[in-house]
Amino acid sequence: DPETGKPSVEDDTLYALASRPDHPRAVEAPFIIQTGGFYYLFVSFDQCCRGVISTYRVMVGRSEDVTGPYVDRDNVPMLEGGGTQVTFETDRWRGPGHNAVLHDGDQDYLVFHAYDARRVGIPTLRITPIIWDDDGWPTIAMGSE
């Protein structure tokens, strides 16, 4: 229901939005925002909670409808394992995932955790500006600090 943000009383359908049918690891931590005429579905792929050997990462797809279908930058449906990668591992930051998006004024921020390889893999909350490219896809700068 657009007015309340709660499930619609007119449509009680459960919609599948993302899947990895040929991959044993989960799709988790979904977060949807609406901006620029699209709904963006951010999810996390792969393995969390293993410190510096975590393979977690944030992926995104978009749709004109909140119920999908969501596709990545290459037009691969997220229900078929698609997703455009948003976070990337660095020498310092491992397993960057489980995100939310914060909108503040004219700026969007990606809020997520990553494991700090310089500090024995301690989980660390990261907040970084989202950069929207000319085609309307989000990217971030992971940085080393």
C-alpha atoms as a PDB file:
ATOM      1  CA  ASP A   1       0.000   0.000   0.000  1.00  0.00           C
ATOM      2  CA  PRO A   2       1.718   3.217  -1.146  1.00  0.00           C
ATOM      3  CA  GLU A   3      -0.014   5.226   1.576  1.00  0.00           C
ATOM      4  CA  THR A   4       0.973   3.096   4.577  1.00  0.00           C
ATOM      5  CA  GLY A   5       3.981   1.092   3.383  1.00  0.00           C
ATOM      6  CA  LYS A   6       2.232  -2.009   4.690  1.00  0.00           C
ATOM      7  CA  PRO A   7       1.058  -4.971   2.579  1.00  0.00           C
ATOM      8  CA  SER A   8      -1.828  -4.092   0.290  1.00  0.00           C
ATOM      9  CA  VAL A   9      -5.284  -5.292   1.242  1.00  0.00           C
ATOM     10  CA  GLU A  10      -6.167  -5.459  -2.481  1.00  0.00           C
ATOM     11  CA  ASP A  11      -3.170  -7.560  -3.534  1.00  0.00           C
ATOM     12  CA  ASP A  12      -1.920 -10.263  -1.173  1.00  0.00           C
ATOM     13  CA  THR A  13       0.379 -11.830  -3.786  1.00  0.00           C
ATOM     14  CA  LEU A  14       3.904 -12.692  -2.637  1.00  0.00           C
ATOM     15  CA  TYR A  15       6.316 -11.591  -5.372  1.00  0.00           C
ATOM     16  CA  ALA A  16       9.656 -13.268  -6.015  1.00  0.00           C
ATOM     17  CA  LEU A  17      12.215 -10.561  -6.803  1.00  0.00           C
ATOM     18  CA  ALA A  18      15.642 -12.216  -6.869  1.00  0.00           C
ATOM     19  CA  SER A  19      17.085 -15.716  -6.979  1.00  0.00           C
ATOM     20  CA  ARG A  20      20.291 -17.555  -7.805  1.00  0.00           C
ATOM     21  CA  PRO A  21      18.952 -20.817  -9.234  1.00  0.00           C
ATOM     22  CA  ASP A  22      22.377 -22.199 -10.228  1.00  0.00           C
ATOM     23  CA  HIS A  23      24.251 -21.018  -7.163  1.00  0.00           C
ATOM     24  CA  PRO A  24      24.267 -22.607  -3.705  1.00  0.00           C
ATOM     25  CA  ARG A  25      24.559 -19.341  -1.790  1.00  0.00           C
ATOM     26  CA  ALA A  26      21.707 -17.148  -0.675  1.00  0.00           C
ATOM     27  CA  VAL A  27      20.324 -13.838  -1.790  1.00  0.00           C
ATOM     28  CA  GLU A  28      19.685 -11.836   1.364  1.00  0.00           C
ATOM     29  CA  ALA A  29      19.391  -8.421   2.984  1.00  0.00           C
ATOM     30  CA  PRO A  30      17.004  -6.904   0.400  1.00  0.00           C
ATOM     31  CA  PHE A  31      16.470  -3.148   0.359  1.00  0.00           C
ATOM     32  CA  ILE A  32      14.315  -1.243  -2.137  1.00  0.00           C
ATOM     33  CA  ILE A  33      14.405   2.475  -2.930  1.00  0.00           C
ATOM     34  CA  GLN A  34      12.654   4.529  -5.584  1.00  0.00           C
ATOM     35  CA  THR A  35      14.573   7.196  -7.454  1.00  0.00           C
ATOM     36  CA  GLY A  36      14.798   8.576 -10.979  1.00  0.00           C
ATOM     37  CA  GLY A  37      11.721   6.713 -12.219  1.00  0.00           C
ATOM     38  CA  PHE A  38      12.957   3.273 -11.115  1.00  0.00           C
ATOM     39  CA  TYR A  39      12.767   1.024  -8.103  1.00  0.00           C
ATOM     40  CA  TYR A  40      16.202  -0.301  -7.135  1.00  0.00           C
ATOM     41  CA  LEU A  41      16.561  -3.636  -5.371  1.00  0.00           C
ATOM     42  CA  PHE A  42      19.817  -3.927  -3.420  1.00  0.00           C
ATOM     43  CA  VAL A  43      20.687  -7.418  -2.128  1.00  0.00           C
ATOM     44  CA  SER A  44      23.700  -9.260  -0.741  1.00  0.00           C
ATOM     45  CA  PHE A  45      25.262 -12.284  -2.443  1.00  0.00           C
ATOM     46  CA  ASP A  46      27.568 -14.955  -1.062  1.00  0.00           C
ATOM     47  CA  GLN A  47      28.928 -15.570   2.436  1.00  0.00           C
ATOM     48  CA  CYS A  48      28.829 -13.252   5.407  1.00  0.00           C
ATOM     49  CA  CYS A  49      30.152 -13.396   8.918  1.00  0.00           C
ATOM     50  CA  ARG A  50      33.492 -15.106   8.276  1.00  0.00           C
ATOM     51  CA  GLY A  51      35.722 -12.125   8.987  1.00  0.00           C
ATOM     52  CA  VAL A  52      38.399 -11.487   6.379  1.00  0.00           C
ATOM     53  CA  ILE A  53      37.427 -14.591   4.367  1.00  0.00           C
ATOM     54  CA  SER A  54      33.846 -13.351   3.898  1.00  0.00           C
ATOM     55  CA  THR A  55      32.772 -13.141   0.253  1.00  0.00           C
ATOM     56  CA  TYR A  56      29.714 -10.959   0.862  1.00  0.00           C
ATOM     57  CA  ARG A  57      28.958  -8.207  -1.679  1.00  0.00           C
ATOM     58  CA  VAL A  58      26.092  -5.897  -2.578  1.00  0.00           C
ATOM     59  CA  MET A  59      24.333  -6.315  -5.919  1.00  0.00           C
ATOM     60  CA  VAL A  60      21.578  -4.203  -7.488  1.00  0.00           C
ATOM     61  CA  GLY A  61      18.883  -4.425 -10.125  1.00  0.00           C
ATOM     62  CA  ARG A  62      16.119  -2.061 -11.115  1.00  0.00           C
ATOM     63  CA  SER A  63      12.526  -2.106 -12.307  1.00  0.00           C
ATOM     64  CA  GLU A  64       9.813   0.347 -13.286  1.00  0.00           C
ATOM     65  CA  ASP A  65       7.457  -1.527 -10.931  1.00  0.00           C
ATOM     66  CA  VAL A  66       8.075  -2.288  -7.255  1.00  0.00           C
ATOM     67  CA  THR A  67       6.976  -5.890  -7.880  1.00  0.00           C
ATOM     68  CA  GLY A  68       9.537  -6.354 -10.669  1.00  0.00           C
ATOM     69  CA  PRO A  69      10.902  -7.783 -12.761  1.00  0.00           C
ATOM     70  CA  TYR A  70      14.275  -6.427 -11.644  1.00  0.00           C
ATOM     71  CA  VAL A  71      17.172  -6.567 -14.110  1.00  0.00           C
ATOM     72  CA  ASP A  72      20.835  -5.686 -13.852  1.00  0.00           C
ATOM     73  CA  ARG A  73      22.867  -3.311 -16.036  1.00  0.00           C
ATOM     74  CA  ASP A  74      23.222  -6.077 -18.662  1.00  0.00           C
ATOM     75  CA  ASN A  75      19.449  -6.728 -18.595  1.00  0.00           C
ATOM     76  CA  VAL A  76      19.862 -10.080 -16.819  1.00  0.00           C
ATOM     77  CA  PRO A  77      16.830 -10.726 -14.576  1.00  0.00           C
ATOM     78  CA  MET A  78      17.604 -10.906 -10.889  1.00  0.00           C
ATOM     79  CA  LEU A  79      15.304 -13.941 -10.734  1.00  0.00           C
ATOM     80  CA  GLU A  80      17.879 -15.658 -12.962  1.00  0.00           C
ATOM     81  CA  GLY A  81      20.903 -14.760 -10.835  1.00  0.00           C
ATOM     82  CA  GLY A  82      21.479 -11.290 -12.274  1.00  0.00           C
ATOM     83  CA  GLY A  83      22.734  -8.302 -10.334  1.00  0.00           C
ATOM     84  CA  THR A  84      25.166  -5.446 -10.922  1.00  0.00           C
ATOM     85  CA  GLN A  85      27.904  -5.404  -8.293  1.00  0.00           C
ATOM     86  CA  VAL A  86      28.013  -2.293  -6.088  1.00  0.00           C
ATOM     87  CA  THR A  87      30.532  -3.132  -3.337  1.00  0.00           C
ATOM     88  CA  PHE A  88      33.935  -4.651  -3.955  1.00  0.00           C
ATOM     89  CA  GLU A  89      36.505  -6.181  -1.646  1.00  0.00           C
ATOM     90  CA  THR A  90      39.712  -4.188  -1.162  1.00  0.00           C
ATOM     91  CA  ASP A  91      42.986  -5.062   0.556  1.00  0.00           C
ATOM     92  CA  ARG A  92      41.537  -3.604   3.734  1.00  0.00           C
ATOM     93  CA  TRP A  93      37.743  -4.094   3.478  1.00  0.00           C
ATOM     94  CA  ARG A  94      36.488  -7.670   3.082  1.00  0.00           C
ATOM     95  CA  GLY A  95      32.962  -8.989   2.648  1.00  0.00           C
ATOM     96  CA  PRO A  96      31.211  -5.617   2.185  1.00  0.00           C
ATOM     97  CA  GLY A  97      27.494  -6.316   2.370  1.00  0.00           C
ATOM     98  CA  HIS A  98      24.135  -6.304   4.151  1.00  0.00           C
ATOM     99  CA  ASN A  99      23.206  -2.802   3.124  1.00  0.00           C
ATOM    100  CA  ALA A 100      20.625  -0.086   3.512  1.00  0.00           C
ATOM    101  CA  VAL A 101      20.293   3.195   1.656  1.00  0.00           C
ATOM    102  CA  LEU A 102      19.996   6.514   3.462  1.00  0.00           C
ATOM    103  CA  HIS A 103      18.673   9.578   1.640  1.00  0.00           C
ATOM    104  CA  ASP A 104      19.801  12.896   3.148  1.00  0.00           C
ATOM    105  CA  GLY A 105      18.990  16.077   1.245  1.00  0.00           C
ATOM    106  CA  ASP A 106      20.344  15.654  -2.267  1.00  0.00           C
ATOM    107  CA  GLN A 107      22.680  12.788  -1.367  1.00  0.00           C
ATOM    108  CA  ASP A 108      22.129   9.038  -1.068  1.00  0.00           C
ATOM    109  CA  TYR A 109      24.435   6.942   1.091  1.00  0.00           C
ATOM    110  CA  LEU A 110      25.093   3.215   1.154  1.00  0.00           C
ATOM    111  CA  VAL A 111      25.236   1.904   4.713  1.00  0.00           C
ATOM    112  CA  PHE A 112      26.803  -1.553   5.060  1.00  0.00           C
ATOM    113  CA  HIS A 113      29.279  -3.561   7.052  1.00  0.00           C
ATOM    114  CA  ALA A 114      32.686  -4.842   6.038  1.00  0.00           C
ATOM    115  CA  TYR A 115      35.492  -6.682   7.811  1.00  0.00           C
ATOM    116  CA  ASP A 116      38.648  -4.663   8.481  1.00  0.00           C
ATOM    117  CA  ALA A 117      41.668  -6.743   7.464  1.00  0.00           C
ATOM    118  CA  ARG A 118      43.974  -4.253   9.212  1.00  0.00           C
ATOM    119  CA  ARG A 119      42.210  -4.911  12.510  1.00  0.00           C
ATOM    120  CA  VAL A 120      41.983  -8.726  12.572  1.00  0.00           C
ATOM    121  CA  GLY A 121      38.685  -8.764  10.676  1.00  0.00           C
ATOM    122  CA  ILE A 122      36.648  -6.670  13.087  1.00  0.00           C
ATOM    123  CA  PRO A 123      33.198  -5.916  11.609  1.00  0.00           C
ATOM    124  CA  THR A 124      32.897  -2.230  10.823  1.00  0.00           C
ATOM    125  CA  LEU A 125      29.931  -0.076   9.851  1.00  0.00           C
ATOM    126  CA  ARG A 126      30.644   1.819   6.641  1.00  0.00           C
ATOM    127  CA  ILE A 127      28.708   4.775   5.218  1.00  0.00           C
ATOM    128  CA  THR A 128      29.688   6.027   1.788  1.00  0.00           C
ATOM    129  CA  PRO A 129      28.071   8.312  -0.792  1.00  0.00           C
ATOM    130  CA  ILE A 130      26.292   6.689  -3.715  1.00  0.00           C
ATOM    131  CA  ILE A 131      27.298   8.039  -7.100  1.00  0.00           C
ATOM    132  CA  TRP A 132      24.527   7.732  -9.716  1.00  0.00           C
ATOM    133  CA  ASP A 133      26.010   7.424 -13.209  1.00  0.00           C
ATOM    134  CA  ASP A 134      24.502   8.959 -16.359  1.00  0.00           C
ATOM    135  CA  ASP A 135      22.530   5.750 -17.018  1.00  0.00           C
ATOM    136  CA  GLY A 136      21.014   5.780 -13.520  1.00  0.00           C
ATOM    137  CA  TRP A 137      23.127   3.012 -11.955  1.00  0.00           C
ATOM    138  CA  PRO A 138      24.602   3.338  -8.455  1.00  0.00           C
ATOM    139  CA  THR A 139      28.296   2.998  -7.671  1.00  0.00           C
ATOM    140  CA  ILE A 140      30.407   3.786  -4.636  1.00  0.00           C
ATOM    141  CA  ALA A 141      34.084   4.357  -3.923  1.00  0.00           C
ATOM    142  CA  MET A 142      35.199   1.710  -1.412  1.00  0.00           C
ATOM    143  CA  GLY A 143      38.387   3.535  -0.441  1.00  0.00           C
ATOM    144  CA  SER A 144      41.072   2.083   1.775  1.00  0.00           C
ATOM    145  CA  GLU A 145      40.446   4.157   4.894  1.00  0.00           C
END
